[in-house]
Amino acid sequence: SGSNAILTNQHCVENQAVCDNTEFGFDAY
């Protein structure tokens, strides 16, 4: 989405605490 919503697997980001401290690398193909 244009509001920076990220879709990923649950085993990557298991809970909100992990989600809040995750760093995302965009345009990394």
mmCIF file of all heavy atoms, coordinates in Angstrom:
data_MODEL
# 
_entry.id   MODEL 
# 
loop_
_atom_site.group_PDB 
_atom_site.id 
_atom_site.type_symbol 
_atom_site.label_atom_id 
_atom_site.label_alt_id 
_atom_site.label_comp_id 
_atom_site.label_asym_id 
_atom_site.label_entity_id 
_atom_site.label_seq_id 
_atom_site.pdbx_PDB_ins_code 
_atom_site.Cartn_x 
_atom_site.Cartn_y 
_atom_site.Cartn_z 
_atom_site.occupancy 
_atom_site.B_iso_or_equiv 
_atom_site.pdbx_formal_charge 
_atom_site.auth_seq_id 
_atom_site.auth_comp_id 
_atom_site.auth_asym_id 
_atom_site.auth_atom_id 
_atom_site.pdbx_PDB_model_num 
ATOM 1   N N   . SER A 1 1  ? 0.839  -1.199  0.000   1.00 0.00 ? 1  SER A N   1 
ATOM 2   C CA  . SER A 1 1  ? 0.000  0.000   0.000   1.00 0.00 ? 1  SER A CA  1 
ATOM 3   C C   . SER A 1 1  ? 0.871  1.244   0.000   1.00 0.00 ? 1  SER A C   1 
ATOM 4   O O   . SER A 1 1  ? 2.065  1.182   0.308   1.00 0.00 ? 1  SER A O   1 
ATOM 5   C CB  . SER A 1 1  ? -0.931 0.029   1.216   1.00 0.00 ? 1  SER A CB  1 
ATOM 6   O OG  . SER A 1 1  ? -0.247 0.515   2.352   1.00 0.00 ? 1  SER A OG  1 
ATOM 7   N N   . GLY A 1 2  ? 0.244  2.359   -0.354  1.00 0.00 ? 2  GLY A N   1 
ATOM 8   C CA  . GLY A 1 2  ? 0.954  3.623   -0.357  1.00 0.00 ? 2  GLY A CA  1 
ATOM 9   C C   . GLY A 1 2  ? 1.238  4.158   1.026   1.00 0.00 ? 2  GLY A C   1 
ATOM 10  O O   . GLY A 1 2  ? 1.956  5.145   1.189   1.00 0.00 ? 2  GLY A O   1 
ATOM 11  N N   . SER A 1 3  ? 0.667  3.515   2.054   1.00 0.00 ? 3  SER A N   1 
ATOM 12  C CA  . SER A 1 3  ? 0.889  3.951   3.428   1.00 0.00 ? 3  SER A CA  1 
ATOM 13  C C   . SER A 1 3  ? 1.893  3.052   4.151   1.00 0.00 ? 3  SER A C   1 
ATOM 14  O O   . SER A 1 3  ? 1.900  2.963   5.366   1.00 0.00 ? 3  SER A O   1 
ATOM 15  C CB  . SER A 1 3  ? -0.431 3.976   4.201   1.00 0.00 ? 3  SER A CB  1 
ATOM 16  O OG  . SER A 1 3  ? -1.039 2.700   4.185   1.00 0.00 ? 3  SER A OG  1 
ATOM 17  N N   . ASN A 1 4  ? 2.737  2.371   3.356   1.00 0.00 ? 4  ASN A N   1 
ATOM 18  C CA  . ASN A 1 4  ? 3.815  1.535   3.892   1.00 0.00 ? 4  ASN A CA  1 
ATOM 19  C C   . ASN A 1 4  ? 3.324  0.352   4.712   1.00 0.00 ? 4  ASN A C   1 
ATOM 20  O O   . ASN A 1 4  ? 3.902  0.015   5.739   1.00 0.00 ? 4  ASN A O   1 
ATOM 21  C CB  . ASN A 1 4  ? 4.796  2.373   4.732   1.00 0.00 ? 4  ASN A CB  1 
ATOM 22  C CG  . ASN A 1 4  ? 5.688  3.229   3.861   1.00 0.00 ? 4  ASN A CG  1 
ATOM 23  O OD1 . ASN A 1 4  ? 5.845  2.961   2.675   1.00 0.00 ? 4  ASN A OD1 1 
ATOM 24  N ND2 . ASN A 1 4  ? 6.269  4.262   4.441   1.00 0.00 ? 4  ASN A ND2 1 
ATOM 25  N N   . ALA A 1 5  ? 2.254  -0.305  4.254   1.00 0.00 ? 5  ALA A N   1 
ATOM 26  C CA  . ALA A 1 5  ? 1.822  -1.560  4.869   1.00 0.00 ? 5  ALA A CA  1 
ATOM 27  C C   . ALA A 1 5  ? 2.624  -2.685  4.217   1.00 0.00 ? 5  ALA A C   1 
ATOM 28  O O   . ALA A 1 5  ? 2.720  -2.769  2.996   1.00 0.00 ? 5  ALA A O   1 
ATOM 29  C CB  . ALA A 1 5  ? 0.332  -1.786  4.656   1.00 0.00 ? 5  ALA A CB  1 
ATOM 30  N N   . ILE A 1 6  ? 3.232  -3.553  5.043   1.00 0.00 ? 6  ILE A N   1 
ATOM 31  C CA  . ILE A 1 6  ? 4.085  -4.616  4.547   1.00 0.00 ? 6  ILE A CA  1 
ATOM 32  C C   . ILE A 1 6  ? 3.425  -5.969  4.769   1.00 0.00 ? 6  ILE A C   1 
ATOM 33  O O   . ILE A 1 6  ? 2.934  -6.265  5.857   1.00 0.00 ? 6  ILE A O   1 
ATOM 34  C CB  . ILE A 1 6  ? 5.447  -4.602  5.267   1.00 0.00 ? 6  ILE A CB  1 
ATOM 35  C CG1 . ILE A 1 6  ? 6.128  -3.242  5.111   1.00 0.00 ? 6  ILE A CG1 1 
ATOM 36  C CG2 . ILE A 1 6  ? 6.363  -5.700  4.732   1.00 0.00 ? 6  ILE A CG2 1 
ATOM 37  C CD1 . ILE A 1 6  ? 6.427  -2.846  3.685   1.00 0.00 ? 6  ILE A CD1 1 
ATOM 38  N N   . LEU A 1 7  ? 3.404  -6.801  3.712   1.00 0.00 ? 7  LEU A N   1 
ATOM 39  C CA  . LEU A 1 7  ? 2.880  -8.149  3.802   1.00 0.00 ? 7  LEU A CA  1 
ATOM 40  C C   . LEU A 1 7  ? 4.054  -9.118  3.885   1.00 0.00 ? 7  LEU A C   1 
ATOM 41  O O   . LEU A 1 7  ? 4.930  -9.121  3.022   1.00 0.00 ? 7  LEU A O   1 
ATOM 42  C CB  . LEU A 1 7  ? 2.035  -8.485  2.570   1.00 0.00 ? 7  LEU A CB  1 
ATOM 43  C CG  . LEU A 1 7  ? 1.499  -9.916  2.469   1.00 0.00 ? 7  LEU A CG  1 
ATOM 44  C CD1 . LEU A 1 7  ? 0.488  -10.172 3.587   1.00 0.00 ? 7  LEU A CD1 1 
ATOM 45  C CD2 . LEU A 1 7  ? 0.867  -10.153 1.095   1.00 0.00 ? 7  LEU A CD2 1 
ATOM 46  N N   . THR A 1 8  ? 4.088  -9.924  4.943   1.00 0.00 ? 8  THR A N   1 
ATOM 47  C CA  . THR A 1 8  ? 5.151  -10.908 5.100   1.00 0.00 ? 8  THR A CA  1 
ATOM 48  C C   . THR A 1 8  ? 4.602  -12.112 5.841   1.00 0.00 ? 8  THR A C   1 
ATOM 49  O O   . THR A 1 8  ? 3.433  -12.139 6.239   1.00 0.00 ? 8  THR A O   1 
ATOM 50  C CB  . THR A 1 8  ? 6.367  -10.305 5.842   1.00 0.00 ? 8  THR A CB  1 
ATOM 51  O OG1 . THR A 1 8  ? 7.469  -11.224 5.794   1.00 0.00 ? 8  THR A OG1 1 
ATOM 52  C CG2 . THR A 1 8  ? 6.031  -9.998  7.299   1.00 0.00 ? 8  THR A CG2 1 
ATOM 53  N N   . ASN A 1 9  ? 5.430  -13.137 6.020   1.00 0.00 ? 9  ASN A N   1 
ATOM 54  C CA  . ASN A 1 9  ? 4.994  -14.363 6.685   1.00 0.00 ? 9  ASN A CA  1 
ATOM 55  C C   . ASN A 1 9  ? 5.017  -14.222 8.200   1.00 0.00 ? 9  ASN A C   1 
ATOM 56  O O   . ASN A 1 9  ? 5.839  -13.485 8.756   1.00 0.00 ? 9  ASN A O   1 
ATOM 57  C CB  . ASN A 1 9  ? 5.906  -15.533 6.277   1.00 0.00 ? 9  ASN A CB  1 
ATOM 58  C CG  . ASN A 1 9  ? 5.718  -15.919 4.821   1.00 0.00 ? 9  ASN A CG  1 
ATOM 59  O OD1 . ASN A 1 9  ? 4.608  -16.140 4.363   1.00 0.00 ? 9  ASN A OD1 1 
ATOM 60  N ND2 . ASN A 1 9  ? 6.812  -15.975 4.091   1.00 0.00 ? 9  ASN A ND2 1 
ATOM 61  N N   . GLN A 1 10 ? 4.152  -14.982 8.857   1.00 0.00 ? 10 GLN A N   1 
ATOM 62  C CA  . GLN A 1 10 ? 4.072  -14.914 10.314  1.00 0.00 ? 10 GLN A CA  1 
ATOM 63  C C   . GLN A 1 10 ? 5.366  -15.401 10.969  1.00 0.00 ? 10 GLN A C   1 
ATOM 64  O O   . GLN A 1 10 ? 5.755  -14.920 12.027  1.00 0.00 ? 10 GLN A O   1 
ATOM 65  C CB  . GLN A 1 10 ? 2.897  -15.752 10.821  1.00 0.00 ? 10 GLN A CB  1 
ATOM 66  C CG  . GLN A 1 10 ? 2.691  -15.642 12.337  1.00 0.00 ? 10 GLN A CG  1 
ATOM 67  C CD  . GLN A 1 10 ? 1.519  -16.448 12.824  1.00 0.00 ? 10 GLN A CD  1 
ATOM 68  O OE1 . GLN A 1 10 ? 0.857  -17.137 12.050  1.00 0.00 ? 10 GLN A OE1 1 
ATOM 69  N NE2 . GLN A 1 10 ? 1.239  -16.383 14.102  1.00 0.00 ? 10 GLN A NE2 1 
ATOM 70  N N   . HIS A 1 11 ? 6.054  -16.372 10.325  1.00 0.00 ? 11 HIS A N   1 
ATOM 71  C CA  . HIS A 1 11 ? 7.279  -16.853 10.939  1.00 0.00 ? 11 HIS A CA  1 
ATOM 72  C C   . HIS A 1 11 ? 8.416  -15.840 10.799  1.00 0.00 ? 11 HIS A C   1 
ATOM 73  O O   . HIS A 1 11 ? 9.455  -15.991 11.432  1.00 0.00 ? 11 HIS A O   1 
ATOM 74  C CB  . HIS A 1 11 ? 7.697  -18.211 10.364  1.00 0.00 ? 11 HIS A CB  1 
ATOM 75  C CG  . HIS A 1 11 ? 8.096  -18.179 8.920   1.00 0.00 ? 11 HIS A CG  1 
ATOM 76  N ND1 . HIS A 1 11 ? 7.205  -18.458 7.910   1.00 0.00 ? 11 HIS A ND1 1 
ATOM 77  C CD2 . HIS A 1 11 ? 9.275  -17.902 8.327   1.00 0.00 ? 11 HIS A CD2 1 
ATOM 78  C CE1 . HIS A 1 11 ? 7.830  -18.367 6.751   1.00 0.00 ? 11 HIS A CE1 1 
ATOM 79  N NE2 . HIS A 1 11 ? 9.076  -18.028 6.966   1.00 0.00 ? 11 HIS A NE2 1 
ATOM 80  N N   . CYS A 1 12 ? 8.211  -14.799 9.985   1.00 0.00 ? 12 CYS A N   1 
ATOM 81  C CA  . CYS A 1 12 ? 9.208  -13.731 9.889   1.00 0.00 ? 12 CYS A CA  1 
ATOM 82  C C   . CYS A 1 12 ? 8.988  -12.696 10.995  1.00 0.00 ? 12 CYS A C   1 
ATOM 83  O O   . CYS A 1 12 ? 9.928  -12.261 11.655  1.00 0.00 ? 12 CYS A O   1 
ATOM 84  C CB  . CYS A 1 12 ? 9.116  -13.044 8.531   1.00 0.00 ? 12 CYS A CB  1 
ATOM 85  S SG  . CYS A 1 12 ? 9.563  -14.068 7.129   1.00 0.00 ? 12 CYS A SG  1 
ATOM 86  N N   . VAL A 1 13 ? 7.753  -12.275 11.161  1.00 0.00 ? 13 VAL A N   1 
ATOM 87  C CA  . VAL A 1 13 ? 7.393  -11.293 12.185  1.00 0.00 ? 13 VAL A CA  1 
ATOM 88  C C   . VAL A 1 13 ? 6.297  -11.923 13.038  1.00 0.00 ? 13 VAL A C   1 
ATOM 89  O O   . VAL A 1 13 ? 5.130  -11.919 12.665  1.00 0.00 ? 13 VAL A O   1 
ATOM 90  C CB  . VAL A 1 13 ? 6.914  -9.968  11.549  1.00 0.00 ? 13 VAL A CB  1 
ATOM 91  C CG1 . VAL A 1 13 ? 6.576  -8.954  12.628  1.00 0.00 ? 13 VAL A CG1 1 
ATOM 92  C CG2 . VAL A 1 13 ? 7.969  -9.404  10.607  1.00 0.00 ? 13 VAL A CG2 1 
ATOM 93  N N   . GLU A 1 14 ? 6.685  -12.478 14.175  1.00 0.00 ? 14 GLU A N   1 
ATOM 94  C CA  . GLU A 1 14 ? 5.781  -13.314 14.954  1.00 0.00 ? 14 GLU A CA  1 
ATOM 95  C C   . GLU A 1 14 ? 4.858  -12.541 15.879  1.00 0.00 ? 14 GLU A C   1 
ATOM 96  O O   . GLU A 1 14 ? 3.796  -13.021 16.238  1.00 0.00 ? 14 GLU A O   1 
ATOM 97  C CB  . GLU A 1 14 ? 6.604  -14.307 15.780  1.00 0.00 ? 14 GLU A CB  1 
ATOM 98  C CG  . GLU A 1 14 ? 7.421  -15.272 14.916  1.00 0.00 ? 14 GLU A CG  1 
ATOM 99  C CD  . GLU A 1 14 ? 8.311  -16.164 15.752  1.00 0.00 ? 14 GLU A CD  1 
ATOM 100 O OE1 . GLU A 1 14 ? 8.495  -15.852 16.950  1.00 0.00 ? 14 GLU A OE1 1 
ATOM 101 O OE2 . GLU A 1 14 ? 8.819  -17.165 15.220  1.00 0.00 ? 14 GLU A OE2 1 
ATOM 102 N N   . ASN A 1 15 ? 5.257  -11.338 16.298  1.00 0.00 ? 15 ASN A N   1 
ATOM 103 C CA  . ASN A 1 15 ? 4.427  -10.605 17.249  1.00 0.00 ? 15 ASN A CA  1 
ATOM 104 C C   . ASN A 1 15 ? 4.667  -9.109  17.088  1.00 0.00 ? 15 ASN A C   1 
ATOM 105 O O   . ASN A 1 15 ? 5.537  -8.672  16.332  1.00 0.00 ? 15 ASN A O   1 
ATOM 106 C CB  . ASN A 1 15 ? 4.710  -11.060 18.687  1.00 0.00 ? 15 ASN A CB  1 
ATOM 107 C CG  . ASN A 1 15 ? 6.188  -10.986 19.033  1.00 0.00 ? 15 ASN A CG  1 
ATOM 108 O OD1 . ASN A 1 15 ? 6.808  -9.932  18.916  1.00 0.00 ? 15 ASN A OD1 1 
ATOM 109 N ND2 . ASN A 1 15 ? 6.762  -12.117 19.440  1.00 0.00 ? 15 ASN A ND2 1 
ATOM 110 N N   . GLN A 1 16 ? 3.872  -8.321  17.801  1.00 0.00 ? 16 GLN A N   1 
ATOM 111 C CA  . GLN A 1 16 ? 3.936  -6.871  17.651  1.00 0.00 ? 16 GLN A CA  1 
ATOM 112 C C   . GLN A 1 16 ? 5.270  -6.301  18.099  1.00 0.00 ? 16 GLN A C   1 
ATOM 113 O O   . GLN A 1 16 ? 5.785  -5.350  17.508  1.00 0.00 ? 16 GLN A O   1 
ATOM 114 C CB  . GLN A 1 16 ? 2.804  -6.217  18.444  1.00 0.00 ? 16 GLN A CB  1 
ATOM 115 C CG  . GLN A 1 16 ? 2.633  -4.723  18.169  1.00 0.00 ? 16 GLN A CG  1 
ATOM 116 C CD  . GLN A 1 16 ? 2.189  -4.435  16.747  1.00 0.00 ? 16 GLN A CD  1 
ATOM 117 O OE1 . GLN A 1 16 ? 1.279  -5.078  16.246  1.00 0.00 ? 16 GLN A OE1 1 
ATOM 118 N NE2 . GLN A 1 16 ? 2.842  -3.487  16.085  1.00 0.00 ? 16 GLN A NE2 1 
ATOM 119 N N   . ALA A 1 17 ? 5.873  -6.880  19.130  1.00 0.00 ? 17 ALA A N   1 
ATOM 120 C CA  . ALA A 1 17 ? 7.158  -6.375  19.619  1.00 0.00 ? 17 ALA A CA  1 
ATOM 121 C C   . ALA A 1 17 ? 8.231  -6.511  18.545  1.00 0.00 ? 17 ALA A C   1 
ATOM 122 O O   . ALA A 1 17 ? 9.027  -5.588  18.315  1.00 0.00 ? 17 ALA A O   1 
ATOM 123 C CB  . ALA A 1 17 ? 7.572  -7.128  20.881  1.00 0.00 ? 17 ALA A CB  1 
ATOM 124 N N   . VAL A 1 18 ? 8.248  -7.657  17.848  1.00 0.00 ? 18 VAL A N   1 
ATOM 125 C CA  . VAL A 1 18 ? 9.207  -7.855  16.756  1.00 0.00 ? 18 VAL A CA  1 
ATOM 126 C C   . VAL A 1 18 ? 8.887  -6.892  15.619  1.00 0.00 ? 18 VAL A C   1 
ATOM 127 O O   . VAL A 1 18 ? 9.775  -6.291  15.014  1.00 0.00 ? 18 VAL A O   1 
ATOM 128 C CB  . VAL A 1 18 ? 9.168  -9.313  16.261  1.00 0.00 ? 18 VAL A CB  1 
ATOM 129 C CG1 . VAL A 1 18 ? 10.038 -9.486  15.018  1.00 0.00 ? 18 VAL A CG1 1 
ATOM 130 C CG2 . VAL A 1 18 ? 9.642  -10.253 17.361  1.00 0.00 ? 18 VAL A CG2 1 
ATOM 131 N N   . CYS A 1 19 ? 7.604  -6.737  15.337  1.00 0.00 ? 19 CYS A N   1 
ATOM 132 C CA  . CYS A 1 19 ? 7.158  -5.850  14.258  1.00 0.00 ? 19 CYS A CA  1 
ATOM 133 C C   . CYS A 1 19 ? 7.623  -4.413  14.484  1.00 0.00 ? 19 CYS A C   1 
ATOM 134 O O   . CYS A 1 19 ? 8.116  -3.749  13.576  1.00 0.00 ? 19 CYS A O   1 
ATOM 135 C CB  . CYS A 1 19 ? 5.639  -5.906  14.169  1.00 0.00 ? 19 CYS A CB  1 
ATOM 136 S SG  . CYS A 1 19 ? 4.921  -5.214  12.666  1.00 0.00 ? 19 CYS A SG  1 
ATOM 137 N N   . ASP A 1 20 ? 7.503  -3.954  15.725  1.00 0.00 ? 20 ASP A N   1 
ATOM 138 C CA  . ASP A 1 20 ? 7.862  -2.577  16.051  1.00 0.00 ? 20 ASP A CA  1 
ATOM 139 C C   . ASP A 1 20 ? 9.359  -2.313  15.918  1.00 0.00 ? 20 ASP A C   1 
ATOM 140 O O   . ASP A 1 20 ? 9.779  -1.160  15.816  1.00 0.00 ? 20 ASP A O   1 
ATOM 141 C CB  . ASP A 1 20 ? 7.420  -2.237  17.476  1.00 0.00 ? 20 ASP A CB  1 
ATOM 142 C CG  . ASP A 1 20 ? 5.902  -2.159  17.605  1.00 0.00 ? 20 ASP A CG  1 
ATOM 143 O OD1 . ASP A 1 20 ? 5.236  -2.008  16.578  1.00 0.00 ? 20 ASP A OD1 1 
ATOM 144 O OD2 . ASP A 1 20 ? 5.401  -2.271  18.739  1.00 0.00 ? 20 ASP A OD2 1 
ATOM 145 N N   . ASN A 1 21 ? 10.173 -3.369  15.939  1.00 0.00 ? 21 ASN A N   1 
ATOM 146 C CA  . ASN A 1 21 ? 11.622 -3.197  15.906  1.00 0.00 ? 21 ASN A CA  1 
ATOM 147 C C   . ASN A 1 21 ? 12.266 -3.820  14.676  1.00 0.00 ? 21 ASN A C   1 
ATOM 148 O O   . ASN A 1 21 ? 13.444 -4.160  14.678  1.00 0.00 ? 21 ASN A O   1 
ATOM 149 C CB  . ASN A 1 21 ? 12.238 -3.801  17.173  1.00 0.00 ? 21 ASN A CB  1 
ATOM 150 C CG  . ASN A 1 21 ? 11.892 -2.999  18.421  1.00 0.00 ? 21 ASN A CG  1 
ATOM 151 O OD1 . ASN A 1 21 ? 12.450 -1.961  18.671  1.00 0.00 ? 21 ASN A OD1 1 
ATOM 152 N ND2 . ASN A 1 21 ? 10.926 -3.507  19.180  1.00 0.00 ? 21 ASN A ND2 1 
ATOM 153 N N   . THR A 1 22 ? 11.476 -3.956  13.618  1.00 0.00 ? 22 THR A N   1 
ATOM 154 C CA  . THR A 1 22 ? 11.982 -4.542  12.382  1.00 0.00 ? 22 THR A CA  1 
ATOM 155 C C   . THR A 1 22 ? 12.387 -3.443  11.402  1.00 0.00 ? 22 THR A C   1 
ATOM 156 O O   . THR A 1 22 ? 11.700 -2.426  11.271  1.00 0.00 ? 22 THR A O   1 
ATOM 157 C CB  . THR A 1 22 ? 10.923 -5.450  11.732  1.00 0.00 ? 22 THR A CB  1 
ATOM 158 O OG1 . THR A 1 22 ? 10.658 -6.541  12.607  1.00 0.00 ? 22 THR A OG1 1 
ATOM 159 C CG2 . THR A 1 22 ? 11.386 -5.993  10.404  1.00 0.00 ? 22 THR A CG2 1 
ATOM 160 N N   . GLU A 1 23 ? 13.499 -3.651  10.741  1.00 0.00 ? 23 GLU A N   1 
ATOM 161 C CA  . GLU A 1 23 ? 13.985 -2.699  9.738   1.00 0.00 ? 23 GLU A CA  1 
ATOM 162 C C   . GLU A 1 23 ? 13.732 -3.288  8.347   1.00 0.00 ? 23 GLU A C   1 
ATOM 163 O O   . GLU A 1 23 ? 14.006 -4.447  8.101   1.00 0.00 ? 23 GLU A O   1 
ATOM 164 C CB  . GLU A 1 23 ? 15.478 -2.469  9.927   1.00 0.00 ? 23 GLU A CB  1 
ATOM 165 C CG  . GLU A 1 23 ? 16.082 -1.486  8.936   1.00 0.00 ? 23 GLU A CG  1 
ATOM 166 C CD  . GLU A 1 23 ? 17.558 -1.268  9.205   1.00 0.00 ? 23 GLU A CD  1 
ATOM 167 O OE1 . GLU A 1 23 ? 17.940 -1.154  10.387  1.00 0.00 ? 23 GLU A OE1 1 
ATOM 168 O OE2 . GLU A 1 23 ? 18.325 -1.229  8.243   1.00 0.00 ? 23 GLU A OE2 1 
ATOM 169 N N   . PHE A 1 24 ? 13.192 -2.463  7.444   1.00 0.00 ? 24 PHE A N   1 
ATOM 170 C CA  . PHE A 1 24 ? 12.827 -2.930  6.118   1.00 0.00 ? 24 PHE A CA  1 
ATOM 171 C C   . PHE A 1 24 ? 13.729 -2.291  5.066   1.00 0.00 ? 24 PHE A C   1 
ATOM 172 O O   . PHE A 1 24 ? 13.956 -1.090  5.094   1.00 0.00 ? 24 PHE A O   1 
ATOM 173 C CB  . PHE A 1 24 ? 11.370 -2.568  5.800   1.00 0.00 ? 24 PHE A CB  1 
ATOM 174 C CG  . PHE A 1 24 ? 10.381 -3.190  6.742   1.00 0.00 ? 24 PHE A CG  1 
ATOM 175 C CD1 . PHE A 1 24 ? 10.049 -2.573  7.944   1.00 0.00 ? 24 PHE A CD1 1 
ATOM 176 C CD2 . PHE A 1 24 ? 9.807  -4.408  6.446   1.00 0.00 ? 24 PHE A CD2 1 
ATOM 177 C CE1 . PHE A 1 24 ? 9.149  -3.152  8.815   1.00 0.00 ? 24 PHE A CE1 1 
ATOM 178 C CE2 . PHE A 1 24 ? 8.905  -4.997  7.323   1.00 0.00 ? 24 PHE A CE2 1 
ATOM 179 C CZ  . PHE A 1 24 ? 8.567  -4.366  8.512   1.00 0.00 ? 24 PHE A CZ  1 
ATOM 180 N N   . GLY A 1 25 ? 14.249 -3.122  4.142   1.00 0.00 ? 25 GLY A N   1 
ATOM 181 C CA  . GLY A 1 25 ? 15.051 -2.607  3.036   1.00 0.00 ? 25 GLY A CA  1 
ATOM 182 C C   . GLY A 1 25 ? 14.224 -2.587  1.778   1.00 0.00 ? 25 GLY A C   1 
ATOM 183 O O   . GLY A 1 25 ? 13.912 -3.644  1.210   1.00 0.00 ? 25 GLY A O   1 
ATOM 184 N N   . PHE A 1 26 ? 13.831 -1.414  1.301   1.00 0.00 ? 26 PHE A N   1 
ATOM 185 C CA  . PHE A 1 26 ? 12.970 -1.291  0.127   1.00 0.00 ? 26 PHE A CA  1 
ATOM 186 C C   . PHE A 1 26 ? 13.771 -1.342  -1.175  1.00 0.00 ? 26 PHE A C   1 
ATOM 187 O O   . PHE A 1 26 ? 14.950 -1.003  -1.199  1.00 0.00 ? 26 PHE A O   1 
ATOM 188 C CB  . PHE A 1 26 ? 12.182 0.030   0.183   1.00 0.00 ? 26 PHE A CB  1 
ATOM 189 C CG  . PHE A 1 26 ? 11.201 0.092   1.307   1.00 0.00 ? 26 PHE A CG  1 
ATOM 190 C CD1 . PHE A 1 26 ? 11.588 0.512   2.563   1.00 0.00 ? 26 PHE A CD1 1 
ATOM 191 C CD2 . PHE A 1 26 ? 9.878  -0.278  1.110   1.00 0.00 ? 26 PHE A CD2 1 
ATOM 192 C CE1 . PHE A 1 26 ? 10.691 0.572   3.606   1.00 0.00 ? 26 PHE A CE1 1 
ATOM 193 C CE2 . PHE A 1 26 ? 8.970  -0.217  2.155   1.00 0.00 ? 26 PHE A CE2 1 
ATOM 194 C CZ  . PHE A 1 26 ? 9.377  0.201   3.396   1.00 0.00 ? 26 PHE A CZ  1 
ATOM 195 N N   . ASP A 1 27 ? 13.102 -1.721  -2.268  1.00 0.00 ? 27 ASP A N   1 
ATOM 196 C CA  . ASP A 1 27 ? 13.710 -1.704  -3.589  1.00 0.00 ? 27 ASP A CA  1 
ATOM 197 C C   . ASP A 1 27 ? 14.976 -2.553  -3.624  1.00 0.00 ? 27 ASP A C   1 
ATOM 198 O O   . ASP A 1 27 ? 15.997 -2.150  -4.161  1.00 0.00 ? 27 ASP A O   1 
ATOM 199 C CB  . ASP A 1 27 ? 14.021 -0.266  -4.009  1.00 0.00 ? 27 ASP A CB  1 
ATOM 200 C CG  . ASP A 1 27 ? 14.193 -0.126  -5.511  1.00 0.00 ? 27 ASP A CG  1 
ATOM 201 O OD1 . ASP A 1 27 ? 13.884 -1.091  -6.236  1.00 0.00 ? 27 ASP A OD1 1 
ATOM 202 O OD2 . ASP A 1 27 ? 14.651 0.934   -5.966  1.00 0.00 ? 27 ASP A OD2 1 
ATOM 203 N N   . ALA A 1 28 ? 14.902 -3.746  -3.033  1.00 0.00 ? 28 ALA A N   1 
ATOM 204 C CA  . ALA A 1 28 ? 16.099 -4.565  -2.860  1.00 0.00 ? 28 ALA A CA  1 
ATOM 205 C C   . ALA A 1 28 ? 16.105 -5.788  -3.759  1.00 0.00 ? 28 ALA A C   1 
ATOM 206 O O   . ALA A 1 28 ? 16.709 -6.783  -3.429  1.00 0.00 ? 28 ALA A O   1 
ATOM 207 C CB  . ALA A 1 28 ? 16.221 -5.000  -1.396  1.00 0.00 ? 28 ALA A CB  1 
ATOM 208 N N   . TYR A 1 29 ? 15.425 -5.720  -4.923  1.00 0.00 ? 29 TYR A N   1 
ATOM 209 C CA  . TYR A 1 29 ? 15.397 -6.875  -5.813  1.00 0.00 ? 29 TYR A CA  1 
ATOM 210 C C   . TYR A 1 29 ? 16.797 -7.194  -6.301  1.00 0.00 ? 29 TYR A C   1 
ATOM 211 O O   . TYR A 1 29 ? 17.543 -6.312  -6.706  1.00 0.00 ? 29 TYR A O   1 
ATOM 212 C CB  . TYR A 1 29 ? 14.490 -6.623  -7.027  1.00 0.00 ? 29 TYR A CB  1 
ATOM 213 C CG  . TYR A 1 29 ? 14.400 -7.845  -7.919  1.00 0.00 ? 29 TYR A CG  1 
ATOM 214 C CD1 . TYR A 1 29 ? 13.467 -8.841  -7.651  1.00 0.00 ? 29 TYR A CD1 1 
ATOM 215 C CD2 . TYR A 1 29 ? 15.282 -8.011  -8.974  1.00 0.00 ? 29 TYR A CD2 1 
ATOM 216 C CE1 . TYR A 1 29 ? 13.408 -9.978  -8.430  1.00 0.00 ? 29 TYR A CE1 1 
ATOM 217 C CE2 . TYR A 1 29 ? 15.220 -9.156  -9.751  1.00 0.00 ? 29 TYR A CE2 1 
ATOM 218 C CZ  . TYR A 1 29 ? 14.288 -10.134 -9.486  1.00 0.00 ? 29 TYR A CZ  1 
ATOM 219 O OH  . TYR A 1 29 ? 14.250 -11.252 -10.246 1.00 0.00 ? 29 TYR A OH  1 
# 
